Protein backbone atom coordinates (compact mmCIF):
# COMPACT_ATOMS: atom_id res chain seq x y z
CA MET A 1 44.46 4.91 -28.41
CA ALA A 2 41.51 3.24 -26.81
CA ALA A 3 39.08 5.81 -25.01
CA PRO A 4 39.22 5.60 -21.38
CA LYS A 5 36.33 3.84 -19.48
CA ARG A 6 33.79 6.01 -18.08
CA GLY A 7 33.23 5.75 -14.41
CA ARG A 8 30.30 3.98 -12.67
CA SER A 9 28.89 7.17 -11.40
CA ALA A 10 29.19 8.88 -14.67
CA SER A 11 26.93 5.99 -16.65
CA ALA A 12 24.51 5.88 -13.74
CA GLN A 13 23.73 9.80 -14.16
CA SER A 14 23.85 9.93 -17.98
CA LYS A 15 20.28 10.48 -18.20
CA PRO A 16 18.96 12.54 -15.21
CA GLY A 17 16.00 13.75 -17.59
CA ARG A 18 14.46 10.61 -17.11
CA ALA A 19 14.16 10.93 -13.28
CA LEU A 20 12.76 14.30 -13.53
CA ALA A 21 10.46 13.28 -16.40
CA LEU A 22 9.37 10.21 -13.97
CA ILE A 23 8.42 12.50 -10.97
CA LEU A 24 6.73 15.00 -13.14
CA ILE A 25 4.47 12.34 -14.68
CA ALA A 26 3.59 11.15 -11.26
CA ILE A 27 2.50 14.85 -10.32
CA VAL A 28 0.43 15.04 -13.30
CA ALA A 29 -1.07 11.70 -13.09
CA LEU A 30 -1.90 12.13 -9.05
CA THR A 31 -3.26 15.72 -9.74
CA GLY A 32 -5.34 14.50 -12.57
CA GLY A 33 -6.96 11.78 -10.33
CA MET A 34 -7.42 14.13 -7.72
CA PHE A 35 -9.70 16.55 -10.00
CA LEU A 36 -11.42 13.38 -11.46
CA SER A 37 -12.23 12.29 -8.18
CA GLY A 38 -13.83 15.61 -6.97
CA HIS A 39 -11.87 15.79 -4.01
CA THR A 40 -9.67 18.84 -4.62
CA THR A 41 -9.40 19.74 -0.89
CA PRO A 42 -8.07 17.58 1.83
CA ARG A 43 -10.89 16.44 4.09
CA LEU A 44 -10.71 18.28 7.67
CA GLY A 45 -11.00 16.88 11.09
CA ILE A 46 -13.57 17.79 13.55
CA ASP A 47 -11.39 20.25 15.28
CA LEU A 48 -11.02 22.25 12.00
CA ALA A 49 -14.35 21.70 10.17
CA GLY A 50 -16.84 20.72 12.89
CA GLY A 51 -18.98 17.41 12.85
CA THR A 52 -21.15 15.32 14.66
CA SER A 53 -21.16 14.17 18.43
CA ILE A 54 -22.92 11.09 19.49
CA THR A 55 -23.52 10.32 23.26
CA LEU A 56 -24.50 6.76 23.90
CA GLU A 57 -25.45 5.24 27.38
CA ALA A 58 -24.79 1.64 28.25
CA LYS A 59 -27.67 -0.45 29.29
CA ALA A 60 -27.34 -3.64 31.25
CA ASP A 61 -29.83 -5.75 29.23
CA GLN A 62 -27.63 -8.48 27.75
CA GLY A 63 -26.53 -10.29 30.71
CA SER A 64 -23.37 -8.25 31.14
CA ALA A 65 -22.24 -6.16 33.84
CA ILE A 66 -21.39 -2.50 33.19
CA ASN A 67 -17.77 -2.39 33.92
CA LYS A 68 -14.32 -0.81 32.91
CA ALA A 69 -13.48 -3.98 31.11
CA ASN A 70 -16.58 -4.28 28.94
CA MET A 71 -16.82 -0.45 28.54
CA ASP A 72 -12.98 -0.51 27.06
CA THR A 73 -13.92 -3.42 24.53
CA ALA A 74 -17.06 -1.52 23.57
CA VAL A 75 -14.99 1.49 22.87
CA GLU A 76 -12.27 -0.40 21.06
CA ILE A 77 -15.09 -2.30 18.65
CA MET A 78 -16.64 1.11 17.95
CA ASN A 79 -13.57 2.69 17.22
CA ARG A 80 -12.58 0.08 14.50
CA ARG A 81 -16.14 0.41 12.96
CA VAL A 82 -15.77 4.21 12.42
CA ASN A 83 -12.14 4.53 12.14
CA GLY A 84 -10.45 1.43 10.82
CA LEU A 85 -6.99 3.06 10.01
CA GLY A 86 -7.00 5.49 12.71
CA VAL A 87 -6.55 8.49 10.51
CA SER A 88 -10.11 9.28 9.77
CA GLU A 89 -10.22 11.68 13.03
CA ALA A 90 -13.44 9.88 14.33
CA GLU A 91 -12.85 9.80 18.09
CA VAL A 92 -14.68 7.15 20.42
CA GLN A 93 -13.97 7.63 24.33
CA THR A 94 -15.62 6.90 27.63
CA GLN A 95 -17.27 9.61 29.62
CA GLY A 96 -18.07 8.55 33.16
CA ASP A 97 -18.95 5.12 34.10
CA ARG A 98 -21.71 4.31 31.54
CA ASN A 99 -21.52 6.77 28.69
CA ILE A 100 -19.41 6.91 25.47
CA ILE A 101 -18.91 9.67 23.18
CA VAL A 102 -18.30 9.30 19.54
CA ASN A 103 -17.26 12.33 17.40
CA ILE A 104 -17.61 12.12 13.66
CA PRO A 105 -15.67 14.61 11.63
CA LYS A 106 -17.82 16.63 8.93
CA GLY A 107 -17.27 15.01 5.36
CA THR A 108 -17.70 11.52 6.79
CA ASN A 109 -21.36 9.98 5.77
CA SER A 110 -22.68 10.72 9.35
CA LYS A 111 -25.76 8.44 8.89
CA GLU A 112 -23.65 5.69 7.95
CA ALA A 113 -21.41 6.35 10.88
CA ARG A 114 -24.39 6.70 13.31
CA ASP A 115 -25.85 3.36 12.15
CA GLN A 116 -22.52 1.62 12.60
CA VAL A 117 -22.09 3.01 16.06
CA GLY A 118 -25.81 2.76 17.06
CA THR A 119 -25.87 -0.86 16.08
CA THR A 120 -24.94 -1.90 19.42
CA ALA A 121 -27.09 -5.13 20.25
CA LYS A 122 -25.03 -8.45 20.08
CA LEU A 123 -24.72 -10.33 17.07
CA TYR A 124 -26.28 -13.74 16.97
CA PHE A 125 -26.84 -16.45 14.32
CA ARG A 126 -30.49 -18.02 14.94
CA PRO A 127 -32.40 -20.46 12.86
CA VAL A 128 -35.29 -19.49 10.82
CA LEU A 129 -38.52 -20.85 11.68
CA ALA A 130 -40.73 -18.89 9.50
CA GLN A 131 -40.52 -15.92 6.97
CA ASP A 132 -42.99 -13.86 5.12
CA ALA A 133 -42.95 -10.38 3.17
CA THR A 134 -45.04 -7.52 4.70
CA GLY A 135 -46.50 -4.59 3.77
CA SER A 136 -47.45 -3.80 0.23
CA ALA A 137 -45.22 -6.35 -0.89
CA ALA A 138 -47.35 -9.14 0.80
CA ALA A 139 -50.19 -8.83 -1.61
CA THR A 140 -47.81 -9.77 -4.38
CA SER A 141 -45.52 -12.16 -2.50
CA PRO A 142 -46.77 -15.47 -1.79
CA SER A 143 -47.45 -16.12 1.93
CA PRO A 144 -46.05 -19.17 3.88
CA SER A 145 -47.43 -22.61 3.72
CA ALA A 146 -48.51 -24.59 6.56
CA SER A 147 -44.79 -25.65 6.83
CA GLY A 148 -43.61 -21.98 7.52
CA SER A 149 -41.77 -22.13 4.29
CA SER A 150 -41.58 -19.05 2.48
CA PRO A 151 -41.03 -17.90 -1.09
CA ALA A 152 -39.42 -14.68 0.13
CA SER A 153 -36.90 -13.02 -1.48
CA PRO A 154 -33.89 -15.28 -2.52
CA SER A 155 -31.58 -15.42 0.40
CA PRO A 156 -27.43 -16.04 0.13
CA SER A 157 -26.16 -19.42 0.36
CA ALA A 158 -23.69 -20.10 3.12
CA SER A 159 -21.25 -23.04 2.10
CA LYS A 160 -17.42 -24.19 2.19
CA SER A 161 -16.64 -23.20 -1.22
CA GLY A 162 -18.99 -20.18 -1.64
CA THR A 163 -20.40 -21.46 -4.93
CA GLY A 164 -23.93 -21.69 -3.89
CA GLU A 165 -26.64 -19.60 -5.62
CA LYS A 166 -29.49 -17.69 -4.14
CA ALA A 167 -32.41 -19.94 -2.92
CA THR A 168 -35.57 -19.80 -5.31
CA SER A 169 -38.88 -21.19 -4.42
CA SER A 170 -42.18 -21.49 -6.38
CA SER A 171 -45.14 -19.53 -5.65
CA SER A 172 -47.82 -20.87 -3.35
CA PRO A 173 -51.43 -19.82 -2.72
CA SER A 174 -51.64 -17.32 0.11
CA ALA A 175 -52.30 -18.60 3.32
CA SER A 176 -55.15 -17.04 5.67
CA ALA A 177 -54.11 -15.68 9.04
CA THR A 178 -55.52 -18.99 10.57
CA SER A 179 -53.12 -21.21 8.37
CA GLN A 180 -50.28 -18.73 9.16
CA GLY A 181 -50.74 -18.95 12.78
CA ARG A 182 -50.68 -22.83 12.82
CA ALA A 183 -47.57 -22.63 10.80
CA VAL A 184 -46.06 -20.64 13.56
CA THR A 185 -47.33 -22.81 16.10
CA ASP A 186 -45.90 -25.81 14.50
CA ALA A 187 -42.53 -24.21 13.81
CA LEU A 188 -42.28 -23.28 17.45
CA LYS A 189 -43.10 -26.97 18.59
CA ALA A 190 -40.46 -27.96 16.21
CA ASP A 191 -37.93 -25.38 17.60
CA SER A 192 -36.77 -27.64 20.46
CA THR A 193 -35.43 -30.09 17.75
CA PRO A 194 -34.20 -27.76 14.93
CA SER A 195 -33.37 -30.88 12.78
CA ALA A 196 -37.04 -31.65 12.52
CA SER A 197 -38.10 -31.76 9.08
CA ALA A 198 -40.19 -29.26 7.70
CA SER A 199 -42.50 -31.81 6.44
CA ALA A 200 -43.52 -33.00 9.64
CA SER A 201 -45.00 -29.67 10.62
CA SER A 202 -46.66 -29.49 7.26
CA SER A 203 -48.43 -32.63 7.54
CA ALA A 204 -51.18 -31.00 9.57
CA SER A 205 -54.10 -29.90 7.27
CA PRO A 206 -55.69 -26.79 7.96
CA SER A 207 -58.75 -28.11 9.23
CA ALA A 208 -57.20 -30.77 11.59
CA PRO A 209 -56.71 -29.45 15.32
CA ALA A 210 -53.07 -29.04 16.67
CA SER A 211 -51.91 -32.33 18.80
CA THR A 212 -51.36 -30.20 21.70
CA ALA A 213 -52.16 -26.65 22.78
CA PRO A 214 -49.73 -23.98 22.41
CA SER A 215 -48.25 -22.66 25.59
CA ALA A 216 -49.12 -19.09 26.51
CA ALA A 217 -45.71 -17.79 25.47
CA GLN A 218 -46.02 -19.67 21.93
CA ALA A 219 -49.35 -18.30 21.44
CA LYS A 220 -47.96 -14.86 22.49
CA LEU A 221 -45.31 -14.90 19.94
CA GLN A 222 -47.80 -16.30 17.35
CA ALA A 223 -50.00 -13.45 17.77
CA GLN A 224 -47.09 -11.06 17.47
CA TYR A 225 -45.56 -12.79 14.45
CA THR A 226 -49.24 -12.51 12.63
CA ALA A 227 -49.72 -9.07 13.37
CA LEU A 228 -46.11 -7.84 12.67
CA ASP A 229 -45.43 -5.52 9.82
CA CYS A 230 -41.84 -5.04 9.10
CA SER A 231 -42.81 -2.21 6.36
CA LYS A 232 -43.66 -0.02 9.20
CA LYS A 233 -40.83 1.34 11.34
CA ALA A 234 -42.32 1.91 14.46
CA GLN A 235 -43.08 -1.86 14.45
CA ARG A 236 -39.74 -3.32 13.14
CA THR A 237 -37.64 -1.10 15.66
CA THR A 238 -39.38 -2.97 18.65
CA ALA A 239 -39.54 -6.48 16.87
CA GLY A 240 -37.86 -8.99 19.29
CA GLU A 241 -37.24 -6.24 21.86
CA GLY A 242 -35.97 -7.55 25.17
CA ALA A 243 -35.62 -11.30 23.81
CA LYS A 244 -32.98 -13.43 25.35
CA PRO A 245 -30.57 -15.23 23.38
CA GLY A 246 -31.97 -18.85 24.53
CA GLU A 247 -35.42 -17.77 23.50
CA PRO A 248 -37.22 -17.89 20.26
CA THR A 249 -38.02 -14.31 18.78
CA LEU A 250 -38.99 -12.01 16.05
CA GLY A 251 -36.79 -10.04 13.52
CA CYS A 252 -37.10 -7.95 10.57
CA GLY A 253 -35.08 -7.86 7.49
CA GLU A 254 -34.70 -6.02 4.01
CA SER A 255 -34.07 -7.39 0.48
CA SER A 256 -34.26 -5.59 -2.66
CA GLY A 257 -36.33 -2.80 -1.24
CA VAL A 258 -38.66 -5.54 0.32
CA TRP A 259 -39.39 -5.80 4.38
CA TYR A 260 -39.54 -9.49 5.52
CA LYS A 261 -40.61 -10.78 9.01
CA TYR A 262 -39.05 -13.69 10.51
CA LEU A 263 -39.67 -16.04 13.28
CA LEU A 264 -36.51 -17.00 14.74
CA GLY A 265 -35.35 -19.89 17.04
CA PRO A 266 -32.85 -19.68 19.89
CA ALA A 267 -29.19 -18.49 19.23
CA ALA A 268 -27.12 -21.17 17.97
CA VAL A 269 -23.75 -19.12 17.46
CA ASP A 270 -22.81 -15.89 19.31
CA GLY A 271 -21.27 -13.12 17.30
CA THR A 272 -18.10 -13.24 19.81
CA GLU A 273 -17.33 -16.56 18.40
CA VAL A 274 -16.69 -15.13 14.86
CA LYS A 275 -12.77 -14.73 14.76
CA LYS A 276 -12.67 -12.76 11.45
CA ALA A 277 -14.85 -11.78 8.41
CA GLN A 278 -13.90 -10.09 5.26
CA ALA A 279 -15.45 -9.29 1.99
CA VAL A 280 -13.57 -10.76 -1.13
CA PHE A 281 -14.33 -11.03 -4.84
CA ASP A 282 -14.36 -14.48 -6.53
CA THR A 283 -12.68 -14.15 -9.65
CA GLN A 284 -12.67 -17.97 -10.57
CA THR A 285 -16.39 -18.03 -10.66
CA ALA A 286 -19.34 -15.97 -11.39
CA ALA A 287 -20.05 -15.74 -7.74
CA GLY A 288 -18.85 -12.11 -7.66
CA TRP A 289 -18.72 -10.51 -4.23
CA GLN A 290 -18.73 -12.98 -1.19
CA VAL A 291 -18.40 -12.77 2.67
CA THR A 292 -15.77 -15.33 4.25
CA MET A 293 -16.26 -15.94 7.94
CA THR A 294 -13.66 -17.99 10.40
CA PHE A 295 -14.81 -19.02 13.82
CA ASN A 296 -12.87 -19.90 16.81
CA GLY A 297 -12.82 -23.39 18.19
CA LYS A 298 -16.04 -23.29 20.34
CA GLY A 299 -17.87 -21.28 17.27
CA ALA A 300 -16.75 -23.66 14.72
CA LYS A 301 -18.42 -26.74 16.60
CA LYS A 302 -21.29 -24.92 17.06
CA PHE A 303 -21.76 -23.82 13.58
CA ALA A 304 -21.10 -27.30 12.30
CA ASP A 305 -23.73 -28.72 14.41
CA ILE A 306 -26.47 -26.02 13.51
CA THR A 307 -25.52 -26.35 9.80
CA GLY A 308 -25.99 -29.78 9.87
CA GLN A 309 -29.39 -29.92 11.41
CA LEU A 310 -30.58 -26.98 9.06
CA ALA A 311 -29.41 -28.91 6.17
CA LYS A 312 -32.09 -31.46 6.60
CA ASN A 313 -34.96 -28.98 6.64
CA THR A 314 -36.70 -27.13 3.43
CA GLN A 315 -36.67 -23.53 2.74
CA PRO A 316 -36.88 -21.27 4.84
CA GLN A 317 -36.23 -23.74 7.84
CA ASN A 318 -32.90 -24.47 6.31
CA GLU A 319 -31.70 -20.81 6.57
CA PHE A 320 -30.08 -19.05 9.67
CA GLY A 321 -30.84 -15.38 10.28
CA ILE A 322 -27.61 -13.16 11.07
CA VAL A 323 -29.29 -10.91 13.52
CA LEU A 324 -28.01 -7.58 14.91
CA ASP A 325 -29.83 -5.11 17.01
CA GLY A 326 -32.94 -6.99 16.22
CA GLU A 327 -32.59 -6.73 12.41
CA VAL A 328 -31.92 -9.72 10.19
CA VAL A 329 -28.96 -8.35 8.02
CA SER A 330 -28.63 -11.79 6.17
CA SER A 331 -30.45 -15.23 5.96
CA PRO A 332 -28.24 -17.60 4.02
CA TYR A 333 -29.62 -21.26 3.27
CA VAL A 334 -27.62 -24.34 4.27
CA SER A 335 -27.37 -27.21 1.54
CA SER A 336 -24.98 -29.33 3.99
CA SER A 337 -23.04 -29.37 7.33
CA ILE A 338 -20.25 -26.70 7.31
CA THR A 339 -17.19 -27.84 9.03
CA GLY A 340 -13.71 -26.70 9.39
CA GLY A 341 -14.40 -23.48 11.13
CA SER A 342 -15.01 -21.41 8.04
CA ALA A 343 -17.65 -20.73 5.61
CA GLN A 344 -18.64 -18.26 2.90
CA ILE A 345 -21.81 -16.55 2.33
CA SER A 346 -22.45 -16.02 -1.50
CA GLY A 347 -25.26 -14.32 -3.24
CA SER A 348 -25.91 -11.09 -5.52
CA PHE A 349 -23.85 -8.94 -3.30
CA THR A 350 -22.46 -5.68 -4.44
CA GLN A 351 -18.89 -4.45 -2.98
CA ASP A 352 -20.57 -2.01 -0.47
CA GLU A 353 -22.95 -4.89 0.73
CA ALA A 354 -20.60 -7.59 1.15
CA GLN A 355 -18.16 -4.91 3.14
CA ASN A 356 -21.13 -3.81 5.32
CA LEU A 357 -22.09 -7.56 5.98
CA ALA A 358 -18.09 -8.09 6.90
CA ASN A 359 -17.97 -5.35 9.06
CA MET A 360 -20.94 -6.39 11.17
CA LEU A 361 -19.67 -9.85 11.31
CA SER A 362 -16.31 -8.28 12.55
CA TYR A 363 -17.12 -5.79 14.81
CA GLY A 364 -20.98 -6.41 15.50
CA ALA A 365 -20.32 -8.34 18.95
CA LEU A 366 -20.46 -5.69 21.81
CA PRO A 367 -20.41 -6.79 25.24
CA LEU A 368 -23.04 -4.26 26.15
CA SER A 369 -26.18 -2.63 24.48
CA PHE A 370 -26.25 1.09 24.36
CA LYS A 371 -29.09 3.77 23.84
CA GLU A 372 -28.19 6.75 21.98
CA GLN A 373 -29.01 9.86 24.36
CA SER A 374 -28.00 12.88 22.24
CA VAL A 375 -26.74 13.85 18.96
CA THR A 376 -25.23 17.31 18.47
CA THR A 377 -23.31 19.28 15.96
CA VAL A 378 -19.89 20.46 16.61
CA THR A 379 -18.70 23.93 15.33
CA ALA A 380 -15.19 24.66 14.14
CA ALA A 381 -14.91 28.08 15.06
CA LEU A 382 -12.19 27.48 17.71
CA GLY A 383 -10.34 24.91 15.41
CA GLY A 384 -10.66 27.45 12.60
CA ASP A 385 -8.59 30.11 14.72
CA GLN A 386 -5.80 27.50 15.70
CA LEU A 387 -5.89 26.50 12.07
CA HIS A 388 -5.11 30.21 11.03
CA ALA A 389 -2.56 30.33 13.72
CA GLY A 390 -0.82 27.16 12.72
CA LEU A 391 -0.68 28.05 8.83
CA LEU A 392 0.57 31.47 10.09
CA ALA A 393 3.30 29.93 12.02
CA GLY A 394 4.22 27.35 9.19
CA ALA A 395 4.30 30.66 6.61
CA ILE A 396 6.67 32.52 8.92
CA GLY A 397 9.02 29.30 9.38
CA LEU A 398 8.71 28.52 5.75
CA LEU A 399 9.86 32.18 5.05
CA LEU A 400 12.95 32.15 7.40
CA VAL A 401 14.22 28.92 5.77
CA VAL A 402 14.06 30.43 2.61
CA ILE A 403 15.69 33.60 3.69
CA TYR A 404 18.23 31.45 5.32
CA LEU A 405 18.70 29.29 2.10
CA VAL A 406 19.06 32.55 0.01
CA ALA A 407 21.67 34.02 2.35
CA TYR A 408 23.90 31.11 2.51
CA TYR A 409 23.40 28.85 -0.47
CA ARG A 410 22.65 31.71 -2.90
CA GLY A 411 22.06 30.21 -6.33
CA LEU A 412 21.58 26.76 -4.79
CA SER A 413 18.46 27.89 -2.84
CA LEU A 414 16.72 27.81 -6.11
CA VAL A 415 17.07 23.80 -6.13
CA ALA A 416 16.09 23.67 -2.55
CA MET A 417 12.94 25.91 -3.26
CA ALA A 418 12.14 23.92 -6.28
CA SER A 419 12.32 20.61 -4.21
CA LEU A 420 10.32 21.98 -1.38
CA LEU A 421 7.48 23.23 -3.91
CA VAL A 422 7.64 19.58 -5.44
CA SER A 423 7.27 17.89 -1.97
CA GLY A 424 4.54 20.47 -0.99
CA ILE A 425 2.28 19.80 -4.06
CA LEU A 426 2.91 15.94 -3.69
CA THR A 427 1.79 16.08 0.14
CA TYR A 428 -1.30 18.39 -0.80
CA VAL A 429 -2.59 15.97 -3.36
CA LEU A 430 -1.96 12.89 -1.61
CA MET A 431 -3.77 14.18 1.34
CA ALA A 432 -6.67 15.09 -0.97
CA LEU A 433 -6.76 11.45 -2.38
CA LEU A 434 -6.26 9.87 0.96
CA GLY A 435 -9.56 11.41 2.15
CA PRO A 436 -11.99 9.40 0.24
CA ALA A 437 -9.64 6.52 -0.05
CA ILE A 438 -8.73 5.69 3.53
CA GLY A 439 -10.89 8.38 5.42
CA PHE A 440 -7.89 10.57 6.02
CA ALA A 441 -8.85 13.74 7.88
CA LEU A 442 -6.54 16.60 8.24
CA ASN A 443 -6.53 17.72 12.14
CA LEU A 444 -4.27 20.52 13.84
CA PRO A 445 -1.84 17.57 15.06
CA ALA A 446 -1.35 16.65 11.18
CA VAL A 447 -0.87 20.30 10.35
CA CYS A 448 1.99 20.42 12.89
CA GLY A 449 3.42 17.05 11.24
CA ALA A 450 3.38 18.82 7.76
CA ILE A 451 5.15 21.82 9.18
CA VAL A 452 7.74 19.57 11.19
CA ALA A 453 8.36 17.95 7.83
CA ILE A 454 9.57 21.34 6.39
CA GLY A 455 12.62 21.07 8.42
CA ILE A 456 13.00 17.50 7.65
CA THR A 457 13.05 18.00 3.76
CA ALA A 458 15.49 21.16 4.04
CA ASP A 459 17.83 19.15 6.18
CA SER A 460 18.12 16.52 3.28
CA PHE A 461 18.86 19.19 0.80
CA ILE A 462 21.66 20.90 3.32
CA VAL A 463 23.41 17.70 3.74
CA TYR A 464 23.61 17.13 0.09
CA PHE A 465 24.63 20.86 -0.75
CA GLU A 466 27.35 20.40 2.06
CA ARG A 467 28.94 17.25 0.64
CA ILE A 468 28.99 19.06 -2.78
CA ARG A 469 30.89 22.07 -1.25
CA ASP A 470 33.10 19.77 0.67
CA GLU A 471 34.43 18.12 -2.77
CA ILE A 472 34.71 21.49 -3.99
CA ARG A 473 36.98 22.60 -1.32
CA GLU A 474 39.09 19.43 -2.25
CA GLY A 475 40.07 21.01 -5.31
CA ARG A 476 37.53 19.03 -7.65
CA SER A 477 35.23 20.72 -10.29
CA LEU A 478 31.46 20.98 -9.93
CA ARG A 479 30.64 18.25 -12.07
CA PRO A 480 32.64 15.30 -10.47
CA ALA A 481 31.95 16.93 -7.27
CA VAL A 482 28.26 16.41 -7.93
CA GLU A 483 28.56 12.68 -8.47
CA ARG A 484 31.13 12.06 -5.71
CA ALA A 485 29.39 13.85 -3.02
CA TRP A 486 25.98 11.93 -3.81
CA PRO A 487 26.93 8.53 -2.35
CA ARG A 488 27.88 10.00 1.17
CA ALA A 489 25.15 12.43 1.24
CA ARG A 490 22.55 9.64 -0.03
CA ARG A 491 23.72 7.34 3.05
CA THR A 492 23.09 10.00 5.60
CA ILE A 493 19.84 11.19 4.32
CA LEU A 494 18.45 7.53 4.18
CA VAL A 495 19.64 6.99 7.86
CA SER A 496 18.28 10.44 8.83
CA ASP A 497 14.84 9.51 7.08
CA PHE A 498 14.59 6.02 8.46
CA VAL A 499 14.95 7.29 12.02
CA SER A 500 12.19 9.83 11.52
CA PHE A 501 9.89 7.21 9.87
CA LEU A 502 10.45 4.73 12.56
CA ALA A 503 9.73 7.28 15.24
CA ALA A 504 6.44 7.95 13.22
CA ALA A 505 5.57 4.56 12.91
CA VAL A 506 5.96 3.85 16.68
CA LEU A 507 4.10 6.75 17.42
CA PHE A 508 1.21 5.83 15.31
CA ILE A 509 1.20 2.03 16.49
CA VAL A 510 1.10 3.05 20.32
CA THR A 511 -0.92 6.28 20.48
CA VAL A 512 -4.64 6.83 19.69
CA GLY A 513 -6.93 9.78 18.38
CA LYS A 514 -5.47 13.11 17.06
CA VAL A 515 -1.69 12.01 17.86
CA GLN A 516 -2.14 9.34 15.03
CA GLY A 517 -2.85 12.13 12.71
CA PHE A 518 0.39 13.54 13.60
CA ALA A 519 2.27 10.40 13.23
CA PHE A 520 0.63 9.49 9.80
CA THR A 521 1.37 12.89 8.31
CA LEU A 522 5.21 12.82 9.62
CA GLY A 523 5.54 9.53 8.19
CA LEU A 524 3.86 10.19 4.74
CA THR A 525 6.16 13.54 4.36
CA THR A 526 9.40 11.55 5.28
CA VAL A 527 8.80 9.09 2.63
CA LEU A 528 7.92 11.87 0.04
CA ASP A 529 11.26 13.35 1.17
CA VAL A 530 13.22 10.38 0.06
CA VAL A 531 11.29 10.30 -3.40
CA VAL A 532 11.88 14.12 -3.93
CA VAL A 533 15.61 13.97 -3.22
CA PHE A 534 16.37 10.76 -5.39
CA PHE A 535 14.00 11.65 -8.34
CA PHE A 536 14.20 15.54 -8.37
CA THR A 537 16.79 17.18 -6.34
CA LYS A 538 19.58 14.98 -7.34
CA PRO A 539 18.80 14.91 -11.15
CA LEU A 540 18.19 18.57 -11.19
CA MET A 541 21.66 19.13 -9.61
CA THR A 542 23.52 17.10 -12.16
CA LEU A 543 21.73 19.19 -15.12
CA LEU A 544 22.53 22.46 -13.37
CA ALA A 545 26.37 21.11 -12.89
CA ARG A 546 26.44 21.36 -16.87
CA ARG A 547 25.18 24.99 -16.93
CA LYS A 548 28.12 27.77 -17.16
CA PHE A 549 26.73 29.74 -14.14
CA PHE A 550 27.24 26.99 -11.68
CA ALA A 551 30.23 25.07 -13.47
CA SER A 552 32.09 28.35 -13.60
CA GLY A 553 31.83 28.80 -9.69
CA SER A 554 30.14 32.24 -9.87
CA LYS A 555 30.07 34.02 -6.40
CA TRP A 556 26.31 33.92 -6.73
CA SER A 557 25.88 30.24 -7.39
CA GLY A 558 27.00 29.59 -3.89
CA LEU A 559 29.81 27.11 -5.30
CA ASP A 560 32.58 29.67 -5.57
CA PRO A 561 35.68 27.83 -5.03
CA LYS A 562 37.41 30.82 -3.82
CA SER A 563 35.03 31.77 -1.09
CA LEU A 564 34.71 28.19 -0.09
CA GLY A 565 38.49 28.04 0.58
CA ALA A 566 39.22 25.53 -2.21
CA LYS A 567 42.63 23.77 -2.66
CA PRO A 568 44.55 24.01 -5.75
CA PRO A 569 43.13 21.61 -8.58
CA LEU A 570 43.78 17.95 -8.31
CA ARG A 571 46.17 16.68 -10.72
CA ARG A 572 47.38 13.53 -11.78
CA THR A 573 50.97 12.49 -12.18
CA ARG A 574 51.75 11.76 -15.69
CA ARG A 575 54.69 9.62 -16.83
CA PRO A 576 57.09 11.05 -19.46
CA ALA A 577 56.38 10.58 -23.07
CA PRO A 578 58.04 8.04 -24.81
CA ALA A 579 61.00 9.08 -26.83
CA GLN A 580 59.40 7.51 -30.15
CA THR A 581 56.33 9.35 -30.23
CA LYS A 582 55.57 8.22 -33.83
CA GLU A 583 55.11 4.70 -32.78
CA ALA A 584 53.06 5.56 -30.17
């Protein structure tokens, strides 16, 4: 006679060892990655490990009023700078009418964060009129010619396709201070018409007097440019200070360890007109890391106009400086007019350089300027006591859960405790890895979220165990009871975890600050609960159902049919055997 066909559930669970091997391999791989990265403990938040607190005072020197709307906008931009995903535990909040407090947890690059937060001036795109290396590099770098062009360090190019290479220039004889001053004067005169060709200004010989005398403002700017030495911190921090957007100004920028000074024209495009900027890696060409920019409608028109004018000039007057807080963070050259509202800045960028430039373009346009009032170190004494109390509460809660499981489920409690252990290991390793990956910091609310997750995880096991016991009460043996109970328990577990995850997601989206840490941890542990139940708890129960201790219904297994009040075993009714058994 043909053997009876196996049920679908039996075939689906014929190899539970594969699922157990898969989750164990994942644990080993994640743990190995944690040790290889060198981050073997979760990064703690400012309330647990201390950190740095920065106080910034708003100044109304950019033509914008200090009001609630501008302060709220500044807080939002600063928060995106230091806390992109909302889980790094950095806090940005207003204090009074004109102060902003920024709290940065220990373990974050505080210097980089201070630079990002302290870089508070507005972002502008200004045409470059003249450029020159300063300090010790000036002796070995060619000085600008009469046209104001400079063989300064190569600048990245700005283009539609992003395939442009860095600009290069041939060396030229060093110019004296007199010829340099004349170059500045000529550049300032041509500033009213940026499209004027650089050759027009270079036509004047060093001995020929200027056609018109420079104005007092031009003469002052000329003297400041000639005397400016950007290799000195005191000078570059004051370069261009107080300049208005519609006026020419000075700026400093660094490239390959060399500081350059810039003479810059009036702002052509405001940083607020940059809709989006991001760092991308070009896999199709050898351009490497690039920065893509997208402008709004007004900015796209301005950018097309200025790039069309600059493209007619020679270097460096075909460059535009991206100026943030008086510093020229980049000065790409333009070879043609860029239309369409988007552009790419390409050059020999590293990933960090491209990302930093993209961040400045995205988040650099603050409505107000700020002055750093104070920087203080925050201790974690109080947070340490609270953490100790929280961990003690979590340990007591976990102990009570274990006692309940042992008393009520007996042998099944081993499955529950093993599943809790696997869930705890995965949670710890992921928290340690997410610290350097996305800046996740473990704060007190996040610890609370992890403690709440103990109940959520235990609830999933209890749902499955009760379904199995219900099947045994119906008179089924353990092996079919484990398989028949799983579909109904699975639906209940998924619905319950989905509701918990949805609540965590909504809480994460609509809240700010520490509450986001709670929501993130709750959502993470809820996802891990599904993974553990599907890939560990269920396969483990399938294997244990084949062991005599559980299959025989020992009273210490928690699956004793007699104590559960099981009905008599289910038996199928069979037809009488045929009279002629030999033919059968």
